[in-house]
């Protein structure tokens, strides 16, 4: 498994691009310091939450993150997007 730092770099570089949740809801995000903000919700997703989710990839769906992080649909979508995972998991 690659380091989370490398994954975070990919996430930062993909800011502004279109992503899709498992239910095909379209969203984009921006990164401000260690926080990710999507255009579909005002709840910030922190680097810490994304790292916590990363420890469990691959996941079948966002439901596996329930209770672990908030914004699980968005975090799952980002971590399982081919631009982020690049076949590393």
N, C-alpha and C. Protein backbone atom coordinates (compact mmCIF):
# COMPACT_ATOMS: atom_id res chain seq x y z
N UNK A 1 0.85 -1.18 0.00
CA UNK A 1 0.00 0.00 0.00
C UNK A 1 0.90 1.24 0.00
N UNK A 2 0.53 2.23 -0.78
CA UNK A 2 1.33 3.45 -0.83
C UNK A 2 1.04 4.31 0.39
N UNK A 3 1.89 5.26 0.64
CA UNK A 3 1.72 6.12 1.81
C UNK A 3 0.52 7.05 1.63
N UNK A 4 -0.05 7.43 2.75
CA UNK A 4 -1.17 8.36 2.68
C UNK A 4 -0.72 9.71 2.15
N UNK A 5 0.50 10.10 2.39
CA UNK A 5 1.01 11.38 1.87
C UNK A 5 0.91 11.43 0.35
N UNK A 6 1.23 10.32 -0.29
CA UNK A 6 1.13 10.26 -1.75
C UNK A 6 -0.33 10.34 -2.20
N UNK A 7 -1.20 9.66 -1.47
CA UNK A 7 -2.63 9.73 -1.77
C UNK A 7 -3.14 11.16 -1.59
N UNK A 8 -2.75 11.79 -0.50
CA UNK A 8 -3.18 13.17 -0.24
C UNK A 8 -2.71 14.10 -1.37
N UNK A 9 -1.48 13.91 -1.85
CA UNK A 9 -0.99 14.71 -2.97
C UNK A 9 -1.88 14.54 -4.20
N UNK A 10 -2.30 13.32 -4.47
CA UNK A 10 -3.20 13.07 -5.60
C UNK A 10 -4.54 13.77 -5.39
N UNK A 11 -5.04 13.72 -4.16
CA UNK A 11 -6.31 14.37 -3.83
C UNK A 11 -6.19 15.88 -4.06
N UNK A 12 -5.13 16.47 -3.59
CA UNK A 12 -4.92 17.91 -3.76
C UNK A 12 -4.84 18.26 -5.24
N UNK A 13 -4.11 17.48 -6.02
CA UNK A 13 -3.96 17.75 -7.46
C UNK A 13 -5.26 17.57 -8.23
N UNK A 14 -6.20 16.82 -7.68
CA UNK A 14 -7.48 16.57 -8.36
C UNK A 14 -8.58 17.53 -7.94
N UNK A 15 -8.25 18.50 -7.11
CA UNK A 15 -9.25 19.49 -6.69
C UNK A 15 -9.81 20.20 -7.92
N UNK A 16 -11.13 20.42 -7.90
CA UNK A 16 -11.80 21.09 -9.00
C UNK A 16 -12.29 20.16 -10.09
N UNK A 17 -11.84 18.91 -10.09
CA UNK A 17 -12.28 17.94 -11.09
C UNK A 17 -13.59 17.31 -10.63
N UNK A 18 -14.33 16.76 -11.56
CA UNK A 18 -15.62 16.14 -11.27
C UNK A 18 -15.42 14.72 -10.74
N UNK A 19 -16.10 14.42 -9.65
CA UNK A 19 -16.13 13.09 -9.05
C UNK A 19 -17.58 12.66 -8.96
N UNK A 20 -17.81 11.36 -8.74
CA UNK A 20 -19.16 10.81 -8.60
C UNK A 20 -19.23 9.88 -7.41
N UNK A 21 -20.30 10.03 -6.62
CA UNK A 21 -20.53 9.09 -5.54
C UNK A 21 -20.96 7.76 -6.14
N UNK A 22 -21.08 6.75 -5.31
CA UNK A 22 -21.51 5.43 -5.81
C UNK A 22 -22.89 5.51 -6.45
N UNK A 23 -23.72 6.44 -5.99
CA UNK A 23 -25.05 6.64 -6.57
C UNK A 23 -25.04 7.63 -7.73
N UNK A 24 -23.86 7.93 -8.22
CA UNK A 24 -23.66 8.80 -9.37
C UNK A 24 -24.05 10.26 -9.14
N UNK A 25 -23.93 10.73 -7.92
CA UNK A 25 -24.13 12.15 -7.65
C UNK A 25 -22.82 12.87 -7.96
N UNK A 26 -22.91 13.85 -8.83
CA UNK A 26 -21.74 14.59 -9.29
C UNK A 26 -21.32 15.63 -8.25
N UNK A 27 -20.00 15.74 -8.01
CA UNK A 27 -19.50 16.78 -7.10
C UNK A 27 -18.07 17.14 -7.46
N UNK A 28 -17.67 18.30 -7.01
CA UNK A 28 -16.28 18.73 -7.08
C UNK A 28 -15.88 19.15 -5.67
N UNK A 29 -14.61 19.39 -5.48
CA UNK A 29 -14.15 19.85 -4.17
C UNK A 29 -12.98 20.80 -4.33
N UNK A 30 -12.75 21.55 -3.28
CA UNK A 30 -11.55 22.38 -3.19
C UNK A 30 -10.84 22.02 -1.91
N UNK A 31 -9.55 22.26 -1.88
CA UNK A 31 -8.74 21.95 -0.70
C UNK A 31 -8.21 23.26 -0.13
N UNK A 32 -8.45 23.43 1.16
CA UNK A 32 -7.90 24.57 1.90
C UNK A 32 -7.13 24.00 3.07
N UNK A 33 -5.81 24.11 3.00
CA UNK A 33 -4.91 23.53 4.00
C UNK A 33 -5.17 22.04 4.13
N UNK A 34 -5.61 21.57 5.28
CA UNK A 34 -5.87 20.13 5.47
C UNK A 34 -7.36 19.83 5.47
N UNK A 35 -8.12 20.62 4.73
CA UNK A 35 -9.57 20.45 4.68
C UNK A 35 -10.06 20.44 3.25
N UNK A 36 -10.98 19.55 3.00
CA UNK A 36 -11.57 19.41 1.68
C UNK A 36 -13.04 19.82 1.78
N UNK A 37 -13.48 20.66 0.86
CA UNK A 37 -14.86 21.15 0.89
C UNK A 37 -15.51 20.84 -0.45
N UNK A 38 -16.61 20.09 -0.42
CA UNK A 38 -17.29 19.75 -1.66
C UNK A 38 -18.32 20.83 -2.00
N UNK A 39 -18.75 20.80 -3.25
CA UNK A 39 -19.78 21.76 -3.67
C UNK A 39 -21.18 21.26 -3.37
N UNK A 40 -21.32 20.09 -2.76
CA UNK A 40 -22.63 19.53 -2.43
C UNK A 40 -22.98 19.66 -0.96
N UNK A 41 -22.00 19.97 -0.12
CA UNK A 41 -22.25 20.09 1.31
C UNK A 41 -21.30 21.12 1.90
N UNK A 42 -21.70 21.71 2.97
CA UNK A 42 -20.83 22.68 3.63
C UNK A 42 -19.99 22.05 4.73
N UNK A 43 -20.22 20.76 4.99
CA UNK A 43 -19.44 20.08 6.02
C UNK A 43 -18.04 19.81 5.49
N UNK A 44 -17.01 20.33 6.15
CA UNK A 44 -15.64 20.08 5.68
C UNK A 44 -15.22 18.64 5.96
N UNK A 45 -14.43 18.10 5.07
CA UNK A 45 -13.86 16.77 5.24
C UNK A 45 -12.37 16.97 5.54
N UNK A 46 -11.94 16.50 6.66
CA UNK A 46 -10.56 16.76 7.07
C UNK A 46 -9.61 15.68 6.55
N UNK A 47 -8.37 16.07 6.45
CA UNK A 47 -7.32 15.13 6.06
C UNK A 47 -7.31 13.94 7.02
N UNK A 48 -7.53 14.20 8.29
CA UNK A 48 -7.54 13.13 9.30
C UNK A 48 -8.65 12.11 9.01
N UNK A 49 -9.85 12.60 8.64
CA UNK A 49 -10.96 11.69 8.31
C UNK A 49 -10.64 10.86 7.07
N UNK A 50 -10.07 11.50 6.08
CA UNK A 50 -9.74 10.79 4.85
C UNK A 50 -8.65 9.75 5.12
N UNK A 51 -7.69 10.09 5.96
CA UNK A 51 -6.64 9.13 6.33
C UNK A 51 -7.24 7.95 7.08
N UNK A 52 -8.18 8.20 7.98
CA UNK A 52 -8.83 7.12 8.72
C UNK A 52 -9.55 6.17 7.76
N UNK A 53 -10.20 6.72 6.75
CA UNK A 53 -10.90 5.90 5.76
C UNK A 53 -9.89 5.14 4.89
N UNK A 54 -8.80 5.79 4.55
CA UNK A 54 -7.78 5.17 3.70
C UNK A 54 -7.23 3.89 4.31
N UNK A 55 -7.17 3.83 5.61
CA UNK A 55 -6.66 2.63 6.28
C UNK A 55 -7.53 1.40 6.01
N UNK A 56 -8.73 1.61 5.48
CA UNK A 56 -9.67 0.50 5.26
C UNK A 56 -9.89 0.16 3.79
N UNK A 57 -9.26 0.88 2.87
CA UNK A 57 -9.48 0.61 1.45
C UNK A 57 -8.83 -0.70 1.06
N UNK A 58 -9.39 -1.40 0.08
CA UNK A 58 -10.59 -1.05 -0.69
C UNK A 58 -11.86 -1.38 0.08
N UNK A 59 -12.89 -0.65 -0.25
CA UNK A 59 -14.20 -0.81 0.39
C UNK A 59 -15.25 -1.06 -0.68
N UNK A 60 -16.24 -1.86 -0.36
CA UNK A 60 -17.32 -2.11 -1.31
C UNK A 60 -18.18 -0.87 -1.51
N UNK A 61 -18.39 -0.12 -0.45
CA UNK A 61 -19.22 1.07 -0.55
C UNK A 61 -19.02 1.96 0.65
N UNK A 62 -19.64 3.12 0.59
CA UNK A 62 -19.47 4.11 1.65
C UNK A 62 -20.05 3.67 2.99
N UNK A 63 -20.99 2.73 2.98
CA UNK A 63 -21.59 2.25 4.21
C UNK A 63 -20.58 1.64 5.17
N UNK A 64 -19.49 1.15 4.63
CA UNK A 64 -18.45 0.57 5.47
C UNK A 64 -17.72 1.64 6.28
N UNK A 65 -17.93 2.90 5.94
CA UNK A 65 -17.29 4.01 6.66
C UNK A 65 -18.22 4.66 7.67
N UNK A 66 -19.48 4.22 7.70
CA UNK A 66 -20.45 4.81 8.63
C UNK A 66 -19.96 4.64 10.06
N UNK A 67 -19.98 5.74 10.81
CA UNK A 67 -19.51 5.73 12.18
C UNK A 67 -18.01 5.99 12.31
N UNK A 68 -17.29 5.88 11.22
CA UNK A 68 -15.85 6.13 11.24
C UNK A 68 -15.54 7.57 10.85
N UNK A 69 -16.24 8.06 9.82
CA UNK A 69 -16.02 9.42 9.32
C UNK A 69 -17.36 10.03 8.94
N UNK A 70 -17.38 11.35 8.82
CA UNK A 70 -18.55 12.02 8.24
C UNK A 70 -18.24 12.25 6.77
N UNK A 71 -19.29 12.38 5.97
CA UNK A 71 -19.08 12.59 4.54
C UNK A 71 -18.57 11.33 3.85
N UNK A 72 -19.01 10.18 4.37
CA UNK A 72 -18.48 8.91 3.87
C UNK A 72 -18.71 8.70 2.37
N UNK A 73 -19.82 9.18 1.83
CA UNK A 73 -20.08 9.01 0.39
C UNK A 73 -19.03 9.73 -0.44
N UNK A 74 -18.65 10.91 -0.01
CA UNK A 74 -17.66 11.70 -0.75
C UNK A 74 -16.26 11.13 -0.56
N UNK A 75 -15.94 10.75 0.65
CA UNK A 75 -14.62 10.18 0.91
C UNK A 75 -14.46 8.87 0.16
N UNK A 76 -15.48 8.02 0.18
CA UNK A 76 -15.41 6.77 -0.57
C UNK A 76 -15.19 7.06 -2.06
N UNK A 77 -15.96 7.98 -2.59
CA UNK A 77 -15.86 8.31 -4.02
C UNK A 77 -14.47 8.80 -4.39
N UNK A 78 -13.91 9.64 -3.57
CA UNK A 78 -12.58 10.17 -3.85
C UNK A 78 -11.53 9.07 -3.78
N UNK A 79 -11.54 8.29 -2.72
CA UNK A 79 -10.53 7.25 -2.55
C UNK A 79 -10.63 6.13 -3.58
N UNK A 80 -11.80 5.92 -4.16
CA UNK A 80 -11.96 4.84 -5.14
C UNK A 80 -11.96 5.34 -6.58
N UNK A 81 -11.76 6.60 -6.78
CA UNK A 81 -11.66 7.14 -8.13
C UNK A 81 -10.30 6.73 -8.73
N UNK A 82 -10.30 6.38 -10.01
CA UNK A 82 -9.07 5.89 -10.63
C UNK A 82 -7.94 6.93 -10.62
N UNK A 83 -8.27 8.20 -10.58
CA UNK A 83 -7.23 9.24 -10.53
C UNK A 83 -6.52 9.24 -9.18
N UNK A 84 -7.19 8.79 -8.17
CA UNK A 84 -6.61 8.77 -6.82
C UNK A 84 -5.96 7.41 -6.53
N UNK A 85 -6.68 6.35 -6.77
CA UNK A 85 -6.15 5.03 -6.41
C UNK A 85 -5.12 4.51 -7.40
N UNK A 86 -5.25 4.88 -8.67
CA UNK A 86 -4.29 4.48 -9.71
C UNK A 86 -3.91 3.00 -9.62
N UNK A 87 -4.88 2.15 -9.35
CA UNK A 87 -4.67 0.70 -9.24
C UNK A 87 -3.73 0.29 -8.10
N UNK A 88 -3.58 1.17 -7.11
CA UNK A 88 -2.74 0.84 -5.96
C UNK A 88 -3.48 0.00 -4.92
N UNK A 89 -4.78 -0.09 -5.02
CA UNK A 89 -5.57 -0.95 -4.13
C UNK A 89 -6.80 -1.43 -4.83
